[in-house]
Protein backbone atom coordinates (compact mmCIF):
# COMPACT_ATOMS: atom_id res chain seq x y z
CA MET A 1 94.98 -64.77 77.00
CA PRO A 2 91.84 -67.84 77.63
CA GLN A 3 93.08 -71.69 77.31
CA PRO A 4 91.63 -73.08 74.12
CA ARG A 5 89.21 -75.60 75.65
CA ASP A 6 88.57 -79.40 74.91
CA HIS A 7 85.86 -80.61 72.91
CA VAL A 8 84.22 -83.99 73.37
CA ILE A 9 84.30 -85.89 70.33
CA ARG A 10 80.44 -88.07 70.09
CA PRO A 11 80.74 -91.73 70.04
CA LEU A 12 80.20 -93.89 66.79
CA LEU A 13 77.44 -95.45 65.56
CA PRO A 14 78.76 -98.99 65.60
CA TRP A 15 78.97 -99.85 61.63
CA ARG A 16 80.22 -96.17 61.18
CA SER A 17 84.04 -96.53 60.42
CA PRO A 18 86.97 -93.80 62.02
CA GLY A 19 87.43 -91.32 60.25
CA ASN A 20 84.55 -88.28 60.23
CA GLU A 21 84.19 -87.84 64.44
CA ILE A 22 82.15 -84.27 65.47
CA THR A 23 82.48 -83.13 68.12
CA GLU A 24 79.25 -82.78 70.91
CA CYS A 25 78.43 -79.03 69.72
CA GLY A 26 78.77 -80.54 66.12
CA ARG A 27 82.14 -79.43 64.75
CA PRO A 28 84.26 -82.12 63.00
CA ALA A 29 86.44 -83.59 65.40
CA GLY A 30 89.55 -82.64 63.09
CA ASP A 31 88.57 -79.03 62.79
CA VAL A 32 89.37 -78.06 66.41
CA ARG A 33 92.09 -77.76 68.22
CA SER A 34 92.06 -79.64 71.10
CA ALA A 35 89.05 -83.14 71.60
CA ILE A 36 88.73 -85.67 73.81
CA THR A 37 86.30 -88.83 73.88
CA GLN A 38 83.26 -89.50 76.47
CA ASP A 39 84.84 -91.38 79.33
CA GLU A 40 88.22 -89.18 79.25
CA LEU A 41 85.53 -86.63 80.13
CA LYS A 42 84.03 -88.56 82.74
CA ALA A 43 87.23 -89.24 84.18
CA ARG A 44 87.83 -85.20 84.06
CA ILE A 45 84.26 -84.88 85.48
CA ARG A 46 85.08 -87.45 88.46
CA GLU A 47 88.27 -85.85 89.12
CA MET A 48 87.55 -82.55 89.12
CA GLY A 49 84.48 -82.27 89.31
CA LYS A 50 81.76 -80.60 86.90
CA GLN A 51 81.83 -77.30 87.85
CA ARG A 52 85.97 -77.30 87.67
CA ALA A 53 85.71 -79.44 83.92
CA ALA A 54 83.85 -76.27 82.64
CA LEU A 55 87.12 -74.62 82.67
CA PHE A 56 88.42 -76.52 80.51
CA THR A 57 86.05 -78.46 78.18
CA CYS A 58 83.48 -76.85 75.76
CA MET A 59 80.31 -76.05 77.58
CA THR A 60 77.94 -76.74 74.89
CA CYS A 61 80.35 -80.31 74.56
CA LEU A 62 80.04 -80.42 78.08
CA ASP A 63 76.19 -80.12 78.28
CA THR A 64 75.33 -81.82 75.65
CA ALA A 65 76.99 -84.83 76.74
CA ALA A 66 74.84 -85.27 79.33
CA ASN A 67 71.58 -85.30 78.14
CA TRP A 68 72.64 -87.79 75.58
CA ALA A 69 72.97 -91.44 76.26
CA THR A 70 74.98 -94.07 74.14
CA PHE A 71 74.39 -96.24 71.73
CA GLN A 72 75.35 -99.07 74.53
CA GLU A 73 72.78 -97.53 76.80
CA ASP A 74 70.01 -96.04 74.67
CA PRO A 75 69.99 -97.29 70.96
CA VAL A 76 66.48 -96.05 70.37
CA GLN A 77 67.67 -92.52 71.75
CA VAL A 78 70.81 -92.35 69.45
CA ILE A 79 68.83 -93.96 66.57
CA TYR A 80 66.42 -90.44 67.13
CA ARG A 81 69.11 -87.96 67.62
CA GLU A 82 70.85 -89.31 64.54
CA SER A 83 67.49 -88.22 62.69
CA TYR A 84 65.17 -85.84 64.12
CA THR A 85 68.21 -83.81 65.79
CA ASN A 86 71.40 -83.98 62.71
CA PHE A 87 69.41 -84.43 59.70
CA GLY A 88 65.91 -82.55 60.68
CA GLY A 89 65.31 -80.62 57.29
CA ARG A 90 68.00 -82.77 55.29
CA GLN A 91 70.75 -80.27 56.38
CA VAL A 92 74.43 -81.30 56.16
CA TYR A 93 75.77 -82.44 59.56
CA GLY A 94 79.73 -83.42 60.27
CA GLY A 95 79.91 -84.07 56.50
CA LEU A 96 77.75 -86.68 56.22
CA LYS A 97 74.11 -85.91 54.18
CA ALA A 98 70.74 -87.35 55.37
CA ASP A 99 71.19 -89.66 52.14
CA VAL A 100 74.46 -90.72 53.96
CA PHE A 101 72.51 -92.40 56.95
CA ALA A 102 69.84 -93.33 55.22
CA ASP A 103 71.89 -95.73 52.85
CA GLU A 104 73.57 -97.08 56.08
CA LEU A 105 69.69 -97.59 57.00
CA ARG A 106 68.60 -99.57 53.70
CA ALA A 107 72.55 -101.99 54.23
CA LEU A 108 71.13 -102.25 57.88
CA ALA A 109 68.15 -103.99 56.61
CA GLU A 110 69.64 -105.55 53.36
CA LEU A 111 71.93 -107.31 56.01
CA VAL A 112 69.11 -108.19 58.44
CA ALA A 113 67.95 -110.39 54.87
CA ARG A 114 70.79 -111.71 53.99
CA HIS A 115 72.16 -113.48 56.88
CA ARG A 116 68.18 -113.34 59.22
CA ASP A 117 69.03 -116.68 61.05
CA GLU A 118 72.09 -114.85 62.92
CA PHE A 119 69.82 -112.00 63.35
CA ASP A 120 67.52 -113.75 64.74
CA THR A 121 69.54 -115.97 67.21
CA ILE A 122 71.41 -113.04 68.23
CA LEU A 123 67.59 -111.03 68.86
CA ALA A 124 66.61 -113.96 71.09
CA ALA A 125 69.15 -113.58 73.11
CA PHE A 126 68.70 -110.35 74.32
CA GLY A 127 65.35 -111.56 75.17
CA ASP A 128 66.28 -113.81 77.19
CA ALA A 129 69.14 -111.40 78.93
CA VAL A 130 68.00 -110.10 82.10
CA ARG A 131 67.44 -106.90 82.81
CA LEU A 132 69.54 -104.70 85.10
CA ASP A 133 66.15 -102.34 85.61
CA ASP A 134 63.88 -104.64 85.55
CA LEU A 135 65.36 -106.40 88.69
CA ARG A 136 65.99 -103.33 90.16
CA ARG A 137 62.26 -102.63 89.27
CA GLN A 138 61.43 -106.19 90.87
CA ARG A 139 63.10 -105.57 94.26
CA ALA A 140 62.77 -101.35 94.94
CA ALA A 141 58.56 -102.70 94.72
CA ARG A 142 59.43 -105.20 96.57
CA ARG A 143 60.47 -103.09 99.29
């Protein structure tokens, strides 16, 4: 009898509370027998290699986790995934309706409006930060 495979939990958006996690293959995390985090998947791949890790991991989760960035890596890609790939046609996704995502975005806009000075300060700090990708490109161009 085949052993059940672990599913990979999709990282939550920073403003979401734990409890409605879904797997990379789109199933509610509470509906699967065993689930691991993205970090646990990365550690498994480092330890076993991708082919052997695939023996113990849902293949859809494994492939999907490799194709999508986390919010910290690329917030634009994550918002794209959340808005277009999950809610195209107003479908329900992981128990969350498209209207809920729209309300979350409206709430974020309202928070910015109420705390504009603080938002502008944080935004300026991001702009002042040195971006490692830019430094790598500059070094490559000098070579």
